mmCIF file of all heavy atoms, coordinates in Angstrom:
data_MODEL
# 
_entry.id   MODEL 
# 
loop_
_atom_site.group_PDB 
_atom_site.id 
_atom_site.type_symbol 
_atom_site.label_atom_id 
_atom_site.label_alt_id 
_atom_site.label_comp_id 
_atom_site.label_asym_id 
_atom_site.label_entity_id 
_atom_site.label_seq_id 
_atom_site.pdbx_PDB_ins_code 
_atom_site.Cartn_x 
_atom_site.Cartn_y 
_atom_site.Cartn_z 
_atom_site.occupancy 
_atom_site.B_iso_or_equiv 
_atom_site.pdbx_formal_charge 
_atom_site.auth_seq_id 
_atom_site.auth_comp_id 
_atom_site.auth_asym_id 
_atom_site.auth_atom_id 
_atom_site.pdbx_PDB_model_num 
ATOM 1   N N   . ALA A 1 1  ? 0.855  -1.194 0.000  1.00 0.00 ? 1  ALA A N   1 
ATOM 2   C CA  . ALA A 1 1  ? 0.000  0.000  0.000  1.00 0.00 ? 1  ALA A CA  1 
ATOM 3   C C   . ALA A 1 1  ? 0.890  1.243  0.000  1.00 0.00 ? 1  ALA A C   1 
ATOM 4   O O   . ALA A 1 1  ? 1.977  1.249  0.596  1.00 0.00 ? 1  ALA A O   1 
ATOM 5   C CB  . ALA A 1 1  ? -0.908 0.009  1.232  1.00 0.00 ? 1  ALA A CB  1 
ATOM 6   N N   . ILE A 1 2  ? 0.427  2.290  -0.688 1.00 0.00 ? 2  ILE A N   1 
ATOM 7   C CA  . ILE A 1 2  ? 1.209  3.530  -0.795 1.00 0.00 ? 2  ILE A CA  1 
ATOM 8   C C   . ILE A 1 2  ? 0.862  4.476  0.352  1.00 0.00 ? 2  ILE A C   1 
ATOM 9   O O   . ILE A 1 2  ? -0.312 4.722  0.643  1.00 0.00 ? 2  ILE A O   1 
ATOM 10  C CB  . ILE A 1 2  ? 0.924  4.238  -2.146 1.00 0.00 ? 2  ILE A CB  1 
ATOM 11  C CG1 . ILE A 1 2  ? 1.345  3.342  -3.325 1.00 0.00 ? 2  ILE A CG1 1 
ATOM 12  C CG2 . ILE A 1 2  ? 1.632  5.588  -2.217 1.00 0.00 ? 2  ILE A CG2 1 
ATOM 13  C CD1 . ILE A 1 2  ? 0.928  3.870  -4.697 1.00 0.00 ? 2  ILE A CD1 1 
ATOM 14  N N   . TRP A 1 3  ? 1.904  5.003  0.990  1.00 0.00 ? 3  TRP A N   1 
ATOM 15  C CA  . TRP A 1 3  ? 1.745  6.021  2.034  1.00 0.00 ? 3  TRP A CA  1 
ATOM 16  C C   . TRP A 1 3  ? 2.449  7.283  1.554  1.00 0.00 ? 3  TRP A C   1 
ATOM 17  O O   . TRP A 1 3  ? 3.640  7.255  1.268  1.00 0.00 ? 3  TRP A O   1 
ATOM 18  C CB  . TRP A 1 3  ? 2.383  5.543  3.349  1.00 0.00 ? 3  TRP A CB  1 
ATOM 19  C CG  . TRP A 1 3  ? 1.637  4.396  3.938  1.00 0.00 ? 3  TRP A CG  1 
ATOM 20  C CD1 . TRP A 1 3  ? 1.641  3.096  3.509  1.00 0.00 ? 3  TRP A CD1 1 
ATOM 21  C CD2 . TRP A 1 3  ? 0.752  4.445  5.060  1.00 0.00 ? 3  TRP A CD2 1 
ATOM 22  N NE1 . TRP A 1 3  ? 0.813  2.338  4.294  1.00 0.00 ? 3  TRP A NE1 1 
ATOM 23  C CE2 . TRP A 1 3  ? 0.257  3.134  5.261  1.00 0.00 ? 3  TRP A CE2 1 
ATOM 24  C CE3 . TRP A 1 3  ? 0.336  5.468  5.927  1.00 0.00 ? 3  TRP A CE3 1 
ATOM 25  C CZ2 . TRP A 1 3  ? -0.641 2.826  6.280  1.00 0.00 ? 3  TRP A CZ2 1 
ATOM 26  C CZ3 . TRP A 1 3  ? -0.552 5.158  6.945  1.00 0.00 ? 3  TRP A CZ3 1 
ATOM 27  C CH2 . TRP A 1 3  ? -1.035 3.849  7.118  1.00 0.00 ? 3  TRP A CH2 1 
ATOM 28  N N   . LEU A 1 4  ? 1.715  8.368  1.473  1.00 0.00 ? 4  LEU A N   1 
ATOM 29  C CA  . LEU A 1 4  ? 2.319  9.630  1.053  1.00 0.00 ? 4  LEU A CA  1 
ATOM 30  C C   . LEU A 1 4  ? 3.047  10.262 2.227  1.00 0.00 ? 4  LEU A C   1 
ATOM 31  O O   . LEU A 1 4  ? 2.539  10.276 3.341  1.00 0.00 ? 4  LEU A O   1 
ATOM 32  C CB  . LEU A 1 4  ? 1.237  10.597 0.552  1.00 0.00 ? 4  LEU A CB  1 
ATOM 33  C CG  . LEU A 1 4  ? 0.870  10.457 -0.931 1.00 0.00 ? 4  LEU A CG  1 
ATOM 34  C CD1 . LEU A 1 4  ? 2.108  10.601 -1.792 1.00 0.00 ? 4  LEU A CD1 1 
ATOM 35  C CD2 . LEU A 1 4  ? 0.161  9.178  -1.252 1.00 0.00 ? 4  LEU A CD2 1 
ATOM 36  N N   . MET A 1 5  ? 4.256  10.776 1.957  1.00 0.00 ? 5  MET A N   1 
ATOM 37  C CA  . MET A 1 5  ? 5.089  11.294 3.036  1.00 0.00 ? 5  MET A CA  1 
ATOM 38  C C   . MET A 1 5  ? 5.287  12.807 2.935  1.00 0.00 ? 5  MET A C   1 
ATOM 39  O O   . MET A 1 5  ? 6.211  13.350 3.516  1.00 0.00 ? 5  MET A O   1 
ATOM 40  C CB  . MET A 1 5  ? 6.464  10.622 2.982  1.00 0.00 ? 5  MET A CB  1 
ATOM 41  C CG  . MET A 1 5  ? 6.405  9.120  2.828  1.00 0.00 ? 5  MET A CG  1 
ATOM 42  S SD  . MET A 1 5  ? 5.740  8.337  4.293  1.00 0.00 ? 5  MET A SD  1 
ATOM 43  C CE  . MET A 1 5  ? 7.179  8.365  5.323  1.00 0.00 ? 5  MET A CE  1 
ATOM 44  N N   . GLY A 1 6  ? 4.472  13.472 2.149  1.00 0.00 ? 6  GLY A N   1 
ATOM 45  C CA  . GLY A 1 6  ? 4.641  14.919 2.027  1.00 0.00 ? 6  GLY A CA  1 
ATOM 46  C C   . GLY A 1 6  ? 5.735  15.260 1.023  1.00 0.00 ? 6  GLY A C   1 
ATOM 47  O O   . GLY A 1 6  ? 6.309  14.396 0.366  1.00 0.00 ? 6  GLY A O   1 
ATOM 48  N N   . ARG A 1 7  ? 6.031  16.553 0.923  1.00 0.00 ? 7  ARG A N   1 
ATOM 49  C CA  . ARG A 1 7  ? 7.040  17.024 -0.022 1.00 0.00 ? 7  ARG A CA  1 
ATOM 50  C C   . ARG A 1 7  ? 8.413  16.496 0.345  1.00 0.00 ? 7  ARG A C   1 
ATOM 51  O O   . ARG A 1 7  ? 8.767  16.441 1.517  1.00 0.00 ? 7  ARG A O   1 
ATOM 52  C CB  . ARG A 1 7  ? 7.115  18.561 -0.011 1.00 0.00 ? 7  ARG A CB  1 
ATOM 53  C CG  . ARG A 1 7  ? 5.790  19.272 -0.123 1.00 0.00 ? 7  ARG A CG  1 
ATOM 54  C CD  . ARG A 1 7  ? 5.151  19.107 -1.462 1.00 0.00 ? 7  ARG A CD  1 
ATOM 55  N NE  . ARG A 1 7  ? 5.968  19.658 -2.539 1.00 0.00 ? 7  ARG A NE  1 
ATOM 56  C CZ  . ARG A 1 7  ? 5.770  19.403 -3.822 1.00 0.00 ? 7  ARG A CZ  1 
ATOM 57  N NH1 . ARG A 1 7  ? 4.800  18.588 -4.184 1.00 0.00 ? 7  ARG A NH1 1 
ATOM 58  N NH2 . ARG A 1 7  ? 6.529  19.944 -4.743 1.00 0.00 ? 7  ARG A NH2 1 
ATOM 59  N N   . VAL A 1 8  ? 9.182  16.130 -0.663 1.00 0.00 ? 8  VAL A N   1 
ATOM 60  C CA  . VAL A 1 8  ? 10.543 15.656 -0.397 1.00 0.00 ? 8  VAL A CA  1 
ATOM 61  C C   . VAL A 1 8  ? 11.346 16.768 0.287  1.00 0.00 ? 8  VAL A C   1 
ATOM 62  O O   . VAL A 1 8  ? 12.214 16.509 1.115  1.00 0.00 ? 8  VAL A O   1 
ATOM 63  C CB  . VAL A 1 8  ? 11.217 15.201 -1.711 1.00 0.00 ? 8  VAL A CB  1 
ATOM 64  C CG1 . VAL A 1 8  ? 12.680 14.916 -1.491 1.00 0.00 ? 8  VAL A CG1 1 
ATOM 65  C CG2 . VAL A 1 8  ? 10.526 13.948 -2.230 1.00 0.00 ? 8  VAL A CG2 1 
ATOM 66  N N   . ASP A 1 9  ? 11.008 18.033 -0.033 1.00 0.00 ? 9  ASP A N   1 
ATOM 67  C CA  . ASP A 1 9  ? 11.693 19.165 0.624  1.00 0.00 ? 9  ASP A CA  1 
ATOM 68  C C   . ASP A 1 9  ? 11.446 19.156 2.126  1.00 0.00 ? 9  ASP A C   1 
ATOM 69  O O   . ASP A 1 9  ? 12.158 19.796 2.887  1.00 0.00 ? 9  ASP A O   1 
ATOM 70  C CB  . ASP A 1 9  ? 11.173 20.523 0.093  1.00 0.00 ? 9  ASP A CB  1 
ATOM 71  C CG  . ASP A 1 9  ? 11.023 20.539 -1.408 1.00 0.00 ? 9  ASP A CG  1 
ATOM 72  O OD1 . ASP A 1 9  ? 11.605 19.651 -2.050 1.00 0.00 ? 9  ASP A OD1 1 
ATOM 73  O OD2 . ASP A 1 9  ? 10.328 21.420 -1.939 1.00 0.00 ? 9  ASP A OD2 1 
ATOM 74  N N   . ASP A 1 10 ? 10.359 18.494 2.573  1.00 0.00 ? 10 ASP A N   1 
ATOM 75  C CA  . ASP A 1 10 ? 10.037 18.469 4.000  1.00 0.00 ? 10 ASP A CA  1 
ATOM 76  C C   . ASP A 1 10 ? 10.653 17.267 4.719  1.00 0.00 ? 10 ASP A C   1 
ATOM 77  O O   . ASP A 1 10 ? 10.357 17.029 5.880  1.00 0.00 ? 10 ASP A O   1 
ATOM 78  C CB  . ASP A 1 10 ? 8.507  18.434 4.209  1.00 0.00 ? 10 ASP A CB  1 
ATOM 79  C CG  . ASP A 1 10 ? 7.844  19.742 3.798  1.00 0.00 ? 10 ASP A CG  1 
ATOM 80  O OD1 . ASP A 1 10 ? 8.534  20.769 3.817  1.00 0.00 ? 10 ASP A OD1 1 
ATOM 81  O OD2 . ASP A 1 10 ? 6.654  19.726 3.454  1.00 0.00 ? 10 ASP A OD2 1 
ATOM 82  N N   . VAL A 1 11 ? 11.471 16.495 4.009  1.00 0.00 ? 11 VAL A N   1 
ATOM 83  C CA  . VAL A 1 11 ? 12.121 15.358 4.670  1.00 0.00 ? 11 VAL A CA  1 
ATOM 84  C C   . VAL A 1 11 ? 13.283 15.883 5.512  1.00 0.00 ? 11 VAL A C   1 
ATOM 85  O O   . VAL A 1 11 ? 14.063 16.718 5.066  1.00 0.00 ? 11 VAL A O   1 
ATOM 86  C CB  . VAL A 1 11 ? 12.623 14.331 3.632  1.00 0.00 ? 11 VAL A CB  1 
ATOM 87  C CG1 . VAL A 1 11 ? 13.487 13.270 4.289  1.00 0.00 ? 11 VAL A CG1 1 
ATOM 88  C CG2 . VAL A 1 11 ? 11.433 13.673 2.947  1.00 0.00 ? 11 VAL A CG2 1 
ATOM 89  N N   . MET A 1 12 ? 13.380 15.396 6.755  1.00 0.00 ? 12 MET A N   1 
ATOM 90  C CA  . MET A 1 12 ? 14.437 15.873 7.667  1.00 0.00 ? 12 MET A CA  1 
ATOM 91  C C   . MET A 1 12 ? 15.597 14.882 7.670  1.00 0.00 ? 12 MET A C   1 
ATOM 92  O O   . MET A 1 12 ? 15.387 13.689 7.505  1.00 0.00 ? 12 MET A O   1 
ATOM 93  C CB  . MET A 1 12 ? 13.861 16.006 9.086  1.00 0.00 ? 12 MET A CB  1 
ATOM 94  C CG  . MET A 1 12 ? 12.645 16.914 9.145  1.00 0.00 ? 12 MET A CG  1 
ATOM 95  S SD  . MET A 1 12 ? 11.834 16.883 10.758 1.00 0.00 ? 12 MET A SD  1 
ATOM 96  C CE  . MET A 1 12 ? 11.103 15.252 10.767 1.00 0.00 ? 12 MET A CE  1 
ATOM 97  N N   . ASN A 1 13 ? 16.778 15.414 7.864  1.00 0.00 ? 13 ASN A N   1 
ATOM 98  C CA  . ASN A 1 13 ? 17.949 14.544 7.933  1.00 0.00 ? 13 ASN A CA  1 
ATOM 99  C C   . ASN A 1 13 ? 18.523 14.611 9.347  1.00 0.00 ? 13 ASN A C   1 
ATOM 100 O O   . ASN A 1 13 ? 19.201 15.566 9.706  1.00 0.00 ? 13 ASN A O   1 
ATOM 101 C CB  . ASN A 1 13 ? 18.984 14.995 6.904  1.00 0.00 ? 13 ASN A CB  1 
ATOM 102 C CG  . ASN A 1 13 ? 19.939 13.867 6.573  1.00 0.00 ? 13 ASN A CG  1 
ATOM 103 O OD1 . ASN A 1 13 ? 20.241 13.048 7.435  1.00 0.00 ? 13 ASN A OD1 1 
ATOM 104 N ND2 . ASN A 1 13 ? 20.419 13.821 5.348  1.00 0.00 ? 13 ASN A ND2 1 
ATOM 105 N N   . VAL A 1 14 ? 18.206 13.591 10.146 1.00 0.00 ? 14 VAL A N   1 
ATOM 106 C CA  . VAL A 1 14 ? 18.622 13.584 11.547 1.00 0.00 ? 14 VAL A CA  1 
ATOM 107 C C   . VAL A 1 14 ? 19.658 12.488 11.746 1.00 0.00 ? 14 VAL A C   1 
ATOM 108 O O   . VAL A 1 14 ? 19.357 11.309 11.573 1.00 0.00 ? 14 VAL A O   1 
ATOM 109 C CB  . VAL A 1 14 ? 17.402 13.345 12.473 1.00 0.00 ? 14 VAL A CB  1 
ATOM 110 C CG1 . VAL A 1 14 ? 17.821 13.401 13.930 1.00 0.00 ? 14 VAL A CG1 1 
ATOM 111 C CG2 . VAL A 1 14 ? 16.300 14.355 12.186 1.00 0.00 ? 14 VAL A CG2 1 
ATOM 112 N N   . SER A 1 15 ? 20.876 12.890 12.061 1.00 0.00 ? 15 SER A N   1 
ATOM 113 C CA  . SER A 1 15 ? 21.965 11.929 12.268 1.00 0.00 ? 15 SER A CA  1 
ATOM 114 C C   . SER A 1 15 ? 22.024 10.897 11.140 1.00 0.00 ? 15 SER A C   1 
ATOM 115 O O   . SER A 1 15 ? 22.162 9.704  11.385 1.00 0.00 ? 15 SER A O   1 
ATOM 116 C CB  . SER A 1 15 ? 21.803 11.195 13.604 1.00 0.00 ? 15 SER A CB  1 
ATOM 117 O OG  . SER A 1 15 ? 21.688 12.132 14.647 1.00 0.00 ? 15 SER A OG  1 
ATOM 118 N N   . GLY A 1 16 ? 21.875 11.369 9.904  1.00 0.00 ? 16 GLY A N   1 
ATOM 119 C CA  . GLY A 1 16 ? 21.985 10.469 8.756  1.00 0.00 ? 16 GLY A CA  1 
ATOM 120 C C   . GLY A 1 16 ? 20.712 9.709  8.420  1.00 0.00 ? 16 GLY A C   1 
ATOM 121 O O   . GLY A 1 16 ? 20.657 8.999  7.432  1.00 0.00 ? 16 GLY A O   1 
ATOM 122 N N   . HIS A 1 17 ? 19.680 9.865  9.266  1.00 0.00 ? 17 HIS A N   1 
ATOM 123 C CA  . HIS A 1 17 ? 18.401 9.211  8.955  1.00 0.00 ? 17 HIS A CA  1 
ATOM 124 C C   . HIS A 1 17 ? 17.500 10.210 8.243  1.00 0.00 ? 17 HIS A C   1 
ATOM 125 O O   . HIS A 1 17 ? 17.359 11.345 8.692  1.00 0.00 ? 17 HIS A O   1 
ATOM 126 C CB  . HIS A 1 17 ? 17.696 8.760  10.245 1.00 0.00 ? 17 HIS A CB  1 
ATOM 127 C CG  . HIS A 1 17 ? 18.392 7.632  10.929 1.00 0.00 ? 17 HIS A CG  1 
ATOM 128 N ND1 . HIS A 1 17 ? 18.022 6.321  10.760 1.00 0.00 ? 17 HIS A ND1 1 
ATOM 129 C CD2 . HIS A 1 17 ? 19.439 7.624  11.789 1.00 0.00 ? 17 HIS A CD2 1 
ATOM 130 C CE1 . HIS A 1 17 ? 18.815 5.545  11.488 1.00 0.00 ? 17 HIS A CE1 1 
ATOM 131 N NE2 . HIS A 1 17 ? 19.685 6.307  12.117 1.00 0.00 ? 17 HIS A NE2 1 
ATOM 132 N N   . ARG A 1 18 ? 16.874 9.767  7.136  1.00 0.00 ? 18 ARG A N   1 
ATOM 133 C CA  . ARG A 1 18 ? 15.951 10.658 6.425  1.00 0.00 ? 18 ARG A CA  1 
ATOM 134 C C   . ARG A 1 18 ? 14.528 10.365 6.902  1.00 0.00 ? 18 ARG A C   1 
ATOM 135 O O   . ARG A 1 18 ? 13.976 9.309  6.620  1.00 0.00 ? 18 ARG A O   1 
ATOM 136 C CB  . ARG A 1 18 ? 16.089 10.467 4.910  1.00 0.00 ? 18 ARG A CB  1 
ATOM 137 C CG  . ARG A 1 18 ? 17.432 11.024 4.412  1.00 0.00 ? 18 ARG A CG  1 
ATOM 138 C CD  . ARG A 1 18 ? 17.699 10.705 2.972  1.00 0.00 ? 18 ARG A CD  1 
ATOM 139 N NE  . ARG A 1 18 ? 16.698 11.256 2.057  1.00 0.00 ? 18 ARG A NE  1 
ATOM 140 C CZ  . ARG A 1 18 ? 16.677 12.530 1.646  1.00 0.00 ? 18 ARG A CZ  1 
ATOM 141 N NH1 . ARG A 1 18 ? 17.584 13.385 2.073  1.00 0.00 ? 18 ARG A NH1 1 
ATOM 142 N NH2 . ARG A 1 18 ? 15.756 12.943 0.810  1.00 0.00 ? 18 ARG A NH2 1 
ATOM 143 N N   . ILE A 1 19 ? 14.010 11.313 7.648  1.00 0.00 ? 19 ILE A N   1 
ATOM 144 C CA  . ILE A 1 19 ? 12.724 11.099 8.320  1.00 0.00 ? 19 ILE A CA  1 
ATOM 145 C C   . ILE A 1 19 ? 11.684 12.067 7.756  1.00 0.00 ? 19 ILE A C   1 
ATOM 146 O O   . ILE A 1 19 ? 11.946 13.257 7.595  1.00 0.00 ? 19 ILE A O   1 
ATOM 147 C CB  . ILE A 1 19 ? 12.892 11.325 9.846  1.00 0.00 ? 19 ILE A CB  1 
ATOM 148 C CG1 . ILE A 1 19 ? 13.888 10.300 10.395 1.00 0.00 ? 19 ILE A CG1 1 
ATOM 149 C CG2 . ILE A 1 19 ? 11.559 11.230 10.569 1.00 0.00 ? 19 ILE A CG2 1 
ATOM 150 C CD1 . ILE A 1 19 ? 14.315 10.574 11.821 1.00 0.00 ? 19 ILE A CD1 1 
ATOM 151 N N   . SER A 1 20 ? 10.500 11.552 7.497  1.00 0.00 ? 20 SER A N   1 
ATOM 152 C CA  . SER A 1 20 ? 9.435  12.379 6.936  1.00 0.00 ? 20 SER A CA  1 
ATOM 153 C C   . SER A 1 20 ? 8.715  13.153 8.037  1.00 0.00 ? 20 SER A C   1 
ATOM 154 O O   . SER A 1 20 ? 8.374  12.597 9.082  1.00 0.00 ? 20 SER A O   1 
ATOM 155 C CB  . SER A 1 20 ? 8.456  11.457 6.215  1.00 0.00 ? 20 SER A CB  1 
ATOM 156 O OG  . SER A 1 20 ? 7.157  11.927 6.310  1.00 0.00 ? 20 SER A OG  1 
ATOM 157 N N   . THR A 1 21 ? 8.482  14.441 7.787  1.00 0.00 ? 21 THR A N   1 
ATOM 158 C CA  . THR A 1 21 ? 7.734  15.263 8.759  1.00 0.00 ? 21 THR A CA  1 
ATOM 159 C C   . THR A 1 21 ? 6.349  14.655 8.999  1.00 0.00 ? 21 THR A C   1 
ATOM 160 O O   . THR A 1 21 ? 5.842  14.667 10.116 1.00 0.00 ? 21 THR A O   1 
ATOM 161 C CB  . THR A 1 21 ? 7.548  16.701 8.238  1.00 0.00 ? 21 THR A CB  1 
ATOM 162 O OG1 . THR A 1 21 ? 6.970  16.656 6.941  1.00 0.00 ? 21 THR A OG1 1 
ATOM 163 C CG2 . THR A 1 21 ? 8.869  17.444 8.166  1.00 0.00 ? 21 THR A CG2 1 
ATOM 164 N N   . THR A 1 22 ? 5.757  14.078 7.949  1.00 0.00 ? 22 THR A N   1 
ATOM 165 C CA  . THR A 1 22 ? 4.403  13.513 8.046  1.00 0.00 ? 22 THR A CA  1 
ATOM 166 C C   . THR A 1 22 ? 4.320  12.436 9.125  1.00 0.00 ? 22 THR A C   1 
ATOM 167 O O   . THR A 1 22 ? 3.365  12.376 9.888  1.00 0.00 ? 22 THR A O   1 
ATOM 168 C CB  . THR A 1 22 ? 3.980  12.903 6.689  1.00 0.00 ? 22 THR A CB  1 
ATOM 169 O OG1 . THR A 1 22 ? 4.155  13.893 5.683  1.00 0.00 ? 22 THR A OG1 1 
ATOM 170 C CG2 . THR A 1 22 ? 2.539  12.449 6.687  1.00 0.00 ? 22 THR A CG2 1 
ATOM 171 N N   . GLU A 1 23 ? 5.345  11.566 9.181  1.00 0.00 ? 23 GLU A N   1 
ATOM 172 C CA  . GLU A 1 23 ? 5.299  10.475 10.162 1.00 0.00 ? 23 GLU A CA  1 
ATOM 173 C C   . GLU A 1 23 ? 5.379  10.987 11.598 1.00 0.00 ? 23 GLU A C   1 
ATOM 174 O O   . GLU A 1 23 ? 4.685  10.496 12.478 1.00 0.00 ? 23 GLU A O   1 
ATOM 175 C CB  . GLU A 1 23 ? 6.433  9.472  9.899  1.00 0.00 ? 23 GLU A CB  1 
ATOM 176 C CG  . GLU A 1 23 ? 6.192  8.652  8.652  1.00 0.00 ? 23 GLU A CG  1 
ATOM 177 C CD  . GLU A 1 23 ? 6.904  7.314  8.681  1.00 0.00 ? 23 GLU A CD  1 
ATOM 178 O OE1 . GLU A 1 23 ? 8.105  7.263  8.995  1.00 0.00 ? 23 GLU A OE1 1 
ATOM 179 O OE2 . GLU A 1 23 ? 6.256  6.305  8.393  1.00 0.00 ? 23 GLU A OE2 1 
ATOM 180 N N   . VAL A 1 24 ? 6.249  11.980 11.816 1.00 0.00 ? 24 VAL A N   1 
ATOM 181 C CA  . VAL A 1 24 ? 6.391  12.517 13.178 1.00 0.00 ? 24 VAL A CA  1 
ATOM 182 C C   . VAL A 1 24 ? 5.107  13.259 13.569 1.00 0.00 ? 24 VAL A C   1 
ATOM 183 O O   . VAL A 1 24 ? 4.623  13.155 14.702 1.00 0.00 ? 24 VAL A O   1 
ATOM 184 C CB  . VAL A 1 24 ? 7.633  13.429 13.298 1.00 0.00 ? 24 VAL A CB  1 
ATOM 185 C CG1 . VAL A 1 24 ? 7.801  13.912 14.739 1.00 0.00 ? 24 VAL A CG1 1 
ATOM 186 C CG2 . VAL A 1 24 ? 8.891  12.677 12.843 1.00 0.00 ? 24 VAL A CG2 1 
ATOM 187 N N   . GLU A 1 25 ? 4.532  13.982 12.616 1.00 0.00 ? 25 GLU A N   1 
ATOM 188 C CA  . GLU A 1 25 ? 3.269  14.680 12.890 1.00 0.00 ? 25 GLU A CA  1 
ATOM 189 C C   . GLU A 1 25 ? 2.169  13.688 13.246 1.00 0.00 ? 25 GLU A C   1 
ATOM 190 O O   . GLU A 1 25 ? 1.409  13.893 14.197 1.00 0.00 ? 25 GLU A O   1 
ATOM 191 C CB  . GLU A 1 25 ? 2.849  15.516 11.665 1.00 0.00 ? 25 GLU A CB  1 
ATOM 192 C CG  . GLU A 1 25 ? 3.719  16.762 11.500 1.00 0.00 ? 25 GLU A CG  1 
ATOM 193 C CD  . GLU A 1 25 ? 3.633  17.405 10.125 1.00 0.00 ? 25 GLU A CD  1 
ATOM 194 O OE1 . GLU A 1 25 ? 2.839  16.937 9.280  1.00 0.00 ? 25 GLU A OE1 1 
ATOM 195 O OE2 . GLU A 1 25 ? 4.376  18.360 9.895  1.00 0.00 ? 25 GLU A OE2 1 
ATOM 196 N N   . SER A 1 26 ? 2.102  12.584 12.498 1.00 0.00 ? 26 SER A N   1 
ATOM 197 C CA  . SER A 1 26 ? 1.078  11.575 12.793 1.00 0.00 ? 26 SER A CA  1 
ATOM 198 C C   . SER A 1 26 ? 1.282  10.953 14.170 1.00 0.00 ? 26 SER A C   1 
ATOM 199 O O   . SER A 1 26 ? 0.314  10.673 14.870 1.00 0.00 ? 26 SER A O   1 
ATOM 200 C CB  . SER A 1 26 ? 1.074  10.483 11.725 1.00 0.00 ? 26 SER A CB  1 
ATOM 201 O OG  . SER A 1 26 ? 0.501  10.980 10.540 1.00 0.00 ? 26 SER A OG  1 
ATOM 202 N N   . ALA A 1 27 ? 2.527  10.743 14.546 1.00 0.00 ? 27 ALA A N   1 
ATOM 203 C CA  . ALA A 1 27 ? 2.813  10.189 15.878 1.00 0.00 ? 27 ALA A CA  1 
ATOM 204 C C   . ALA A 1 27 ? 2.318  11.153 16.960 1.00 0.00 ? 27 ALA A C   1 
ATOM 205 O O   . ALA A 1 27 ? 1.703  10.743 17.943 1.00 0.00 ? 27 ALA A O   1 
ATOM 206 C CB  . ALA A 1 27 ? 4.308  9.928  16.036 1.00 0.00 ? 27 ALA A CB  1 
ATOM 207 N N   . LEU A 1 28 ? 2.558  12.449 16.769 1.00 0.00 ? 28 LEU A N   1 
ATOM 208 C CA  . LEU A 1 28 ? 2.103  13.439 17.755 1.00 0.00 ? 28 LEU A CA  1 
ATOM 209 C C   . LEU A 1 28 ? 0.576  13.490 17.825 1.00 0.00 ? 28 LEU A C   1 
ATOM 210 O O   . LEU A 1 28 ? -0.019 13.519 18.898 1.00 0.00 ? 28 LEU A O   1 
ATOM 211 C CB  . LEU A 1 28 ? 2.665  14.826 17.419 1.00 0.00 ? 28 LEU A CB  1 
ATOM 212 C CG  . LEU A 1 28 ? 4.158  15.005 17.743 1.00 0.00 ? 28 LEU A CG  1 
ATOM 213 C CD1 . LEU A 1 28 ? 4.750  16.180 16.975 1.00 0.00 ? 28 LEU A CD1 1 
ATOM 214 C CD2 . LEU A 1 28 ? 4.371  15.184 19.249 1.00 0.00 ? 28 LEU A CD2 1 
# 
């Protein structure tokens, strides 16, 4: 199944991990 992760420009790079803002927002 496809999960949209928002704009690629909104992907964060934390300690080498590329994390989507969408996932963190959903967790909150």
